[in-house]
Protein backbone atom coordinates (compact mmCIF):
# COMPACT_ATOMS: atom_id res chain seq x y z
CA UNK A 1 0.00 0.00 0.00
CA UNK A 2 1.49 3.33 -1.09
CA UNK A 3 0.23 6.47 0.62
CA UNK A 4 0.98 10.07 -0.30
CA UNK A 5 0.64 12.43 2.67
CA UNK A 6 0.52 15.96 1.28
CA UNK A 7 1.15 18.65 3.90
CA UNK A 8 1.44 22.43 3.99
CA UNK A 9 2.23 23.01 7.66
CA UNK A 10 -1.35 24.06 8.49
CA UNK A 11 -3.41 22.71 11.37
CA UNK A 12 -5.45 20.59 8.97
CA UNK A 13 -2.35 18.98 7.50
CA UNK A 14 -1.12 18.28 11.05
CA UNK A 15 -4.44 16.53 11.69
CA UNK A 16 -4.01 14.53 8.48
CA UNK A 17 -0.56 13.38 9.64
CA UNK A 18 -1.92 12.45 13.07
CA UNK A 19 -4.80 10.53 11.49
CA UNK A 20 -2.45 8.64 9.19
CA UNK A 21 -0.19 7.80 12.14
CA UNK A 22 -3.22 6.52 14.06
CA UNK A 23 -4.62 4.29 11.30
CA UNK A 24 -1.37 3.03 9.74
CA UNK A 25 -1.41 -0.03 11.98
CA UNK A 26 -4.75 -1.13 10.52
CA UNK A 27 -3.08 -2.46 7.37
CA UNK A 28 -1.60 -5.97 7.41
CA UNK A 29 1.68 -4.64 6.12
CA UNK A 30 3.19 -1.29 6.94
CA UNK A 31 2.27 1.21 4.23
CA UNK A 32 4.91 2.86 2.08
CA UNK A 33 4.45 6.50 3.06
CA UNK A 34 5.56 9.42 0.92
CA UNK A 35 5.49 12.80 2.66
CA UNK A 36 5.12 15.70 0.23
CA UNK A 37 5.40 19.46 0.61
CA UNK A 38 4.89 21.66 -2.45
CA UNK A 39 6.59 25.05 -2.30
CA UNK A 40 5.05 27.73 -4.51
CA UNK A 41 7.51 29.06 -7.07
CA UNK A 42 9.20 32.39 -6.43
CA UNK A 43 7.09 34.90 -8.40
CA UNK A 44 10.04 36.84 -9.79
CA UNK A 45 10.24 36.35 -13.54
CA UNK A 46 13.32 34.39 -14.43
CA UNK A 47 14.91 34.34 -10.99
CA UNK A 48 17.17 31.46 -12.00
CA UNK A 49 19.06 33.79 -14.36
CA UNK A 50 20.10 35.85 -11.34
CA UNK A 51 20.52 33.11 -8.74
CA UNK A 52 22.34 29.83 -9.20
CA UNK A 53 20.39 26.58 -9.38
CA UNK A 54 21.97 25.22 -6.19
CA UNK A 55 21.18 28.42 -4.30
CA UNK A 56 17.56 28.26 -5.41
CA UNK A 57 17.27 24.54 -4.51
CA UNK A 58 18.74 25.23 -1.07
CA UNK A 59 16.29 28.09 -0.57
CA UNK A 60 13.29 25.90 -1.41
CA UNK A 61 14.58 23.11 0.83
CA UNK A 62 15.22 25.39 3.83
CA UNK A 63 11.86 27.14 3.42
CA UNK A 64 10.04 23.79 3.17
CA UNK A 65 11.49 22.04 6.21
CA UNK A 66 9.39 23.89 8.84
CA UNK A 67 6.23 22.94 6.94
CA UNK A 68 7.23 19.27 7.09
CA UNK A 69 8.43 19.23 10.71
CA UNK A 70 5.18 18.44 12.51
CA UNK A 71 4.19 15.64 10.13
CA UNK A 72 7.69 14.17 10.27
CA UNK A 73 7.63 14.20 14.08
CA UNK A 74 4.21 12.52 14.20
CA UNK A 75 5.14 9.80 11.72
CA UNK A 76 8.47 9.15 13.43
CA UNK A 77 6.82 8.96 16.87
CA UNK A 78 4.38 6.38 15.48
CA UNK A 79 7.26 4.32 14.08
CA UNK A 80 6.23 4.95 10.48
CA UNK A 81 9.01 5.09 7.92
CA UNK A 82 8.55 7.63 5.15
CA UNK A 83 10.26 9.24 2.21
CA UNK A 84 10.32 13.04 2.13
CA UNK A 85 9.57 14.84 -1.13
CA UNK A 86 9.89 18.58 -1.71
CA UNK A 87 8.63 19.93 -5.02
CA UNK A 88 8.04 23.39 -6.45
CA UNK A 89 4.90 24.32 -8.35
CA UNK A 90 1.15 24.66 -8.10
CA UNK A 91 0.21 22.44 -5.13
CA UNK A 92 -2.78 20.55 -6.56
CA UNK A 93 -1.04 19.82 -9.86
CA UNK A 94 2.11 18.61 -8.11
CA UNK A 95 0.17 16.41 -5.65
CA UNK A 96 -1.70 14.80 -8.54
CA UNK A 97 1.46 14.31 -10.61
CA UNK A 98 3.52 12.86 -7.74
CA UNK A 99 0.69 10.50 -6.74
CA UNK A 100 0.56 9.18 -10.32
CA UNK A 101 4.34 8.94 -10.68
CA UNK A 102 4.68 7.00 -7.43
CA UNK A 103 1.59 4.87 -8.23
CA UNK A 104 0.06 5.75 -4.86
CA UNK A 105 -3.00 3.87 -3.68
CA UNK A 106 -4.26 6.73 -1.50
CA UNK A 107 -3.70 10.46 -1.07
CA UNK A 108 -4.09 11.77 2.49
CA UNK A 109 -4.32 15.51 3.14
CA UNK A 110 -6.02 18.17 5.21
CA UNK A 111 -9.24 19.61 3.87
CA UNK A 112 -8.04 23.22 4.28
CA UNK A 113 -4.62 24.77 4.00
CA UNK A 114 -2.93 28.10 4.55
CA UNK A 115 -4.26 29.83 1.45
CA UNK A 116 -7.76 30.90 2.54
CA UNK A 117 -7.92 33.95 0.25
CA UNK A 118 -6.44 32.05 -2.69
CA UNK A 119 -8.97 29.27 -2.12
CA UNK A 120 -11.83 31.76 -2.50
CA UNK A 121 -10.47 32.97 -5.82
CA UNK A 122 -8.88 29.87 -7.32
CA UNK A 123 -10.61 26.98 -5.56
CA UNK A 124 -9.13 24.79 -2.91
CA UNK A 125 -6.21 22.46 -3.44
CA UNK A 126 -8.08 19.66 -1.68
CA UNK A 127 -11.14 20.10 -3.94
CA UNK A 128 -9.01 19.98 -7.07
CA UNK A 129 -7.10 16.90 -5.87
CA UNK A 130 -10.34 15.18 -4.85
CA UNK A 131 -11.88 15.92 -8.26
CA UNK A 132 -8.93 14.83 -10.41
CA UNK A 133 -7.05 12.13 -8.48
CA UNK A 134 -6.57 8.70 -10.00
CA UNK A 135 -6.93 7.09 -6.56
CA UNK A 136 -9.00 7.52 -3.38
CA UNK A 137 -8.38 10.72 -1.42
CA UNK A 138 -8.77 10.93 2.35
CA UNK A 139 -9.47 14.52 3.47
CA UNK A 140 -8.99 15.13 7.19
CA UNK A 141 -10.54 18.05 9.12
């Protein structure tokens, strides 16, 4: 069983991590858990022409780690092994792509994230993932 836990550091994504940690023992075999954080791209034109690739990658990594910390702590405390993934892009599109690429059986995520204003204008990440995912999606309040 492959599970993709998509987090954004919000309270709802913390609840999703806690829920996954609580139910992981229900499967006969330990699930293969992939922990994903999607960092929005820097909105400055062609920033990579002014900043080296390694510098930009380090920036995204350092900015992403605090958003992953709570979920990582919860999974580790529950004895669940996981693989960390940090990607850059539009969150819903990246979650959907990574879930397909990894052939995940489930996507687990919070039902609301940090972007309340963006959700009003663009629609929620969770709604888009739920609508377009190739596999079941577990949304946690």
